[in-house]
């Protein structure tokens, strides 16, 4: 009887953990697609502004995107050499006035900026996972720099997966 109960408990726990992992993988894919699409949309709108060196309108448009999209954690613009000239939640003036060193963006080694392709990767922070999106800024086939976006995970999916995990553990302990 004990062996059968243990087998059923392990089987149910395994199925639940499989379901949680599937939900989390689907959420990551959705975050990646959202970040890629948002990056392409934003780069298409800001590339002409960067080409014209119209940084006031670039800042205005970027602030509007940032304030209207709760999933964006950060936006960073860098020139061809990787020198950061604008970023949200900080700006060039704040960086220069705070007596910090000149900030450079180090792009991933496998990022090919002149290809026009978007690169997406994920990393873990103390506040949770962040999806990093690197979008080359191209205007008339000229490479102008890169836009880096940080995308927060979907909070509803994160909460749902945590709840499912907690229920699974509780069921396993209760059956035991």
Protein backbone atom coordinates (compact mmCIF):
# COMPACT_ATOMS: atom_id res chain seq x y z
CA UNK A 1 0.00 0.00 0.00
CA UNK A 2 2.85 2.35 0.92
CA UNK A 3 4.69 1.57 -2.32
CA UNK A 4 1.58 2.24 -4.42
CA UNK A 5 0.98 5.54 -2.61
CA UNK A 6 4.60 6.56 -3.16
CA UNK A 7 4.43 5.68 -6.87
CA UNK A 8 1.19 7.65 -7.34
CA UNK A 9 2.64 10.59 -5.41
CA UNK A 10 5.83 10.63 -7.47
CA UNK A 11 3.89 10.26 -10.72
CA UNK A 12 1.55 13.16 -9.88
CA UNK A 13 4.46 15.34 -8.77
CA UNK A 14 6.37 14.55 -11.96
CA UNK A 15 3.37 15.41 -14.13
CA UNK A 16 2.81 18.68 -12.27
CA UNK A 17 6.45 19.70 -12.50
CA UNK A 18 6.38 18.86 -16.21
CA UNK A 19 3.33 21.12 -16.61
CA UNK A 20 5.03 23.95 -14.68
CA UNK A 21 8.16 23.66 -16.82
CA UNK A 22 6.06 23.71 -20.00
CA UNK A 23 4.29 26.86 -18.83
CA UNK A 24 7.61 28.53 -17.99
CA UNK A 25 9.15 27.61 -21.35
CA UNK A 26 6.10 28.94 -23.16
CA UNK A 27 6.33 32.16 -21.14
CA UNK A 28 10.01 32.55 -22.07
CA UNK A 29 9.19 32.10 -25.74
CA UNK A 30 6.43 34.69 -25.48
CA UNK A 31 8.78 37.12 -23.69
CA UNK A 32 11.39 36.57 -26.41
CA UNK A 33 8.86 37.19 -29.19
CA UNK A 34 7.48 40.25 -27.42
CA UNK A 35 10.97 41.66 -26.87
CA UNK A 36 12.03 40.98 -30.46
CA UNK A 37 8.87 42.57 -31.89
CA UNK A 38 9.06 45.56 -29.55
CA UNK A 39 12.74 46.05 -30.37
CA UNK A 40 12.10 45.95 -34.11
CA UNK A 41 9.18 48.37 -33.79
CA UNK A 42 11.16 50.79 -31.67
CA UNK A 43 14.28 50.61 -33.84
CA UNK A 44 12.25 51.31 -36.98
CA UNK A 45 10.90 54.45 -35.33
CA UNK A 46 14.16 55.72 -33.82
CA UNK A 47 16.69 54.87 -36.57
CA UNK A 48 15.79 57.98 -38.64
CA UNK A 49 16.09 60.11 -35.49
CA UNK A 50 19.52 58.66 -34.71
CA UNK A 51 20.62 59.18 -38.33
CA UNK A 52 19.59 62.87 -38.08
CA UNK A 53 21.19 63.20 -34.59
CA UNK A 54 17.78 64.28 -33.28
CA UNK A 55 18.36 63.05 -29.73
CA UNK A 56 15.63 65.23 -28.18
CA UNK A 57 12.91 63.45 -30.17
CA UNK A 58 14.67 60.12 -29.58
CA UNK A 59 14.49 60.72 -25.83
CA UNK A 60 10.84 61.79 -26.03
CA UNK A 61 9.80 58.75 -28.07
CA UNK A 62 11.80 56.41 -25.84
CA UNK A 63 10.25 57.83 -22.66
CA UNK A 64 6.77 57.35 -24.16
CA UNK A 65 7.51 53.70 -24.99
CA UNK A 66 9.05 53.16 -21.56
CA UNK A 67 6.18 54.75 -19.64
CA UNK A 68 3.46 52.96 -21.62
CA UNK A 69 4.99 49.49 -21.52
CA UNK A 70 5.29 48.06 -18.03
CA UNK A 71 7.31 45.08 -19.26
CA UNK A 72 10.33 47.19 -20.25
CA UNK A 73 12.99 47.22 -17.52
CA UNK A 74 15.56 49.31 -19.41
CA UNK A 75 16.40 50.84 -22.79
CA UNK A 76 19.96 51.67 -23.77
CA UNK A 77 21.20 53.30 -26.97
CA UNK A 78 24.86 53.00 -27.99
CA UNK A 79 26.77 54.24 -31.01
CA UNK A 80 28.88 52.13 -33.39
CA UNK A 81 31.77 51.91 -30.91
CA UNK A 82 29.47 50.89 -28.04
CA UNK A 83 29.50 54.24 -26.25
CA UNK A 84 26.17 54.76 -24.48
CA UNK A 85 24.56 58.08 -25.39
CA UNK A 86 21.07 57.60 -23.97
CA UNK A 87 19.40 55.20 -21.62
CA UNK A 88 16.33 54.79 -19.52
CA UNK A 89 16.12 54.73 -16.47
CA UNK A 90 19.31 56.84 -16.58
CA UNK A 91 20.52 59.39 -19.08
CA UNK A 92 23.82 60.75 -20.41
CA UNK A 93 23.65 63.82 -18.17
CA UNK A 94 23.20 61.71 -15.05
CA UNK A 95 26.05 59.42 -16.03
CA UNK A 96 28.45 62.30 -16.73
CA UNK A 97 27.52 64.32 -13.66
CA UNK A 98 27.90 61.44 -11.24
CA UNK A 99 31.69 61.29 -11.81
CA UNK A 100 31.56 57.78 -13.21
CA UNK A 101 33.76 56.35 -15.90
CA UNK A 102 32.66 56.52 -19.51
CA UNK A 103 30.15 53.74 -20.01
CA UNK A 104 30.45 51.32 -22.91
CA UNK A 105 28.04 48.61 -23.91
CA UNK A 106 29.71 45.26 -24.37
CA UNK A 107 27.76 43.37 -26.97
CA UNK A 108 27.58 39.58 -26.96
CA UNK A 109 30.30 37.94 -29.04
CA UNK A 110 27.86 36.29 -31.44
CA UNK A 111 25.95 39.52 -32.16
CA UNK A 112 26.39 40.61 -35.78
CA UNK A 113 25.18 44.22 -35.92
CA UNK A 114 25.45 44.74 -39.67
CA UNK A 115 23.34 41.66 -40.42
CA UNK A 116 20.20 43.37 -39.16
CA UNK A 117 19.23 40.38 -37.06
CA UNK A 118 17.96 40.73 -33.51
CA UNK A 119 19.68 38.86 -30.70
CA UNK A 120 17.75 37.71 -27.64
CA UNK A 121 19.19 36.20 -24.47
CA UNK A 122 18.11 35.79 -20.87
CA UNK A 123 19.87 36.35 -17.58
CA UNK A 124 18.94 36.12 -13.93
CA UNK A 125 19.07 39.10 -11.58
CA UNK A 126 18.23 39.35 -7.88
CA UNK A 127 14.81 40.68 -8.98
CA UNK A 128 14.16 37.74 -11.31
CA UNK A 129 14.84 36.87 -14.93
CA UNK A 130 15.32 39.51 -17.59
CA UNK A 131 15.19 39.02 -21.36
CA UNK A 132 17.87 41.08 -23.09
CA UNK A 133 17.13 42.14 -26.66
CA UNK A 134 19.85 43.64 -28.88
CA UNK A 135 18.59 45.37 -32.01
CA UNK A 136 20.97 46.97 -34.53
CA UNK A 137 19.96 50.47 -35.57
CA UNK A 138 20.11 50.53 -39.36
CA UNK A 139 19.09 53.40 -41.60
CA UNK A 140 19.55 53.19 -45.39
CA UNK A 141 21.73 50.10 -44.84
CA UNK A 142 24.08 52.10 -42.61
CA UNK A 143 24.85 50.78 -39.12
CA UNK A 144 24.21 53.56 -36.57
CA UNK A 145 24.56 51.66 -33.30
CA UNK A 146 22.52 49.34 -31.17
CA UNK A 147 19.41 49.44 -29.03
CA UNK A 148 19.37 47.17 -25.98
CA UNK A 149 16.07 46.42 -24.25
CA UNK A 150 15.48 44.60 -21.00
CA UNK A 151 12.11 42.87 -20.79
CA UNK A 152 10.58 41.70 -17.50
CA UNK A 153 8.82 38.32 -17.52
CA UNK A 154 5.04 38.21 -17.68
CA UNK A 155 3.97 38.59 -14.01
CA UNK A 156 0.75 36.56 -14.41
CA UNK A 157 2.65 33.52 -15.69
CA UNK A 158 5.30 33.83 -12.96
CA UNK A 159 2.63 33.96 -10.25
CA UNK A 160 0.74 31.03 -11.79
CA UNK A 161 3.85 28.85 -12.00
CA UNK A 162 4.81 29.64 -8.38
CA UNK A 163 1.31 28.74 -7.22
CA UNK A 164 1.34 25.50 -9.18
CA UNK A 165 4.74 24.58 -7.75
CA UNK A 166 3.56 25.27 -4.19
CA UNK A 167 0.39 23.21 -4.66
CA UNK A 168 2.42 20.34 -6.10
CA UNK A 169 4.74 20.30 -3.11
CA UNK A 170 1.78 20.48 -0.72
CA UNK A 171 0.05 17.57 -2.47
CA UNK A 172 3.25 15.48 -2.39
CA UNK A 173 3.74 16.14 1.32
CA UNK A 174 0.07 15.49 2.12
CA UNK A 175 0.04 12.15 0.28
CA UNK A 176 3.28 11.20 2.03
